[in-house]
Amino acid sequence: MPKGRRGAPGGTVPCRVVVCRDCCCGSPKVTGVDHAAQSARLRAEVPVRISDCLDVCDQANVIVVQPSAAGRAAGARPVWLGLVNDTEATEDIVAWVRAGGPGVAPLPDVLDLYAFTPPRRAGRP
């Protein structure tokens, strides 16, 4: 486990984070954001998967926090966060994931401002 990455009791990782970095997210279209630093900060704490376009470009930059096994057992679903364009929001995400994330720790009020429900994609039942 990389330095700084904190696991839950028993050595399990609390959550996983998906970072959109394609069409609009992570591009110069979203100005004033150090995209590489944001990804590096998240990677220092939790497993991060870089994704192609998640089809919610109007919410760039998008980060999805996936619940841990304990969170899923509690009925949690992934939490989609949009317009994550400042370091404070990234730090709030890191703190929430450290606390357990979806289904384990309540979504902080400040992150509730970033949360959104993604539209259903065509072709899904």
Foldseek 3Di string as FASTA:
>chain_A
DAAQADDDPVRHQLWEKEWEPEDQAVDCVLPPAPNVVLVVVVVSYGHYHYDYDPPPNVFHGKMKIAGDPQLVVLVWGIWIFGPCGDVVSSVLVSVCSVQRHHNRDDRDPVRVVRTDDDDDDPPDD
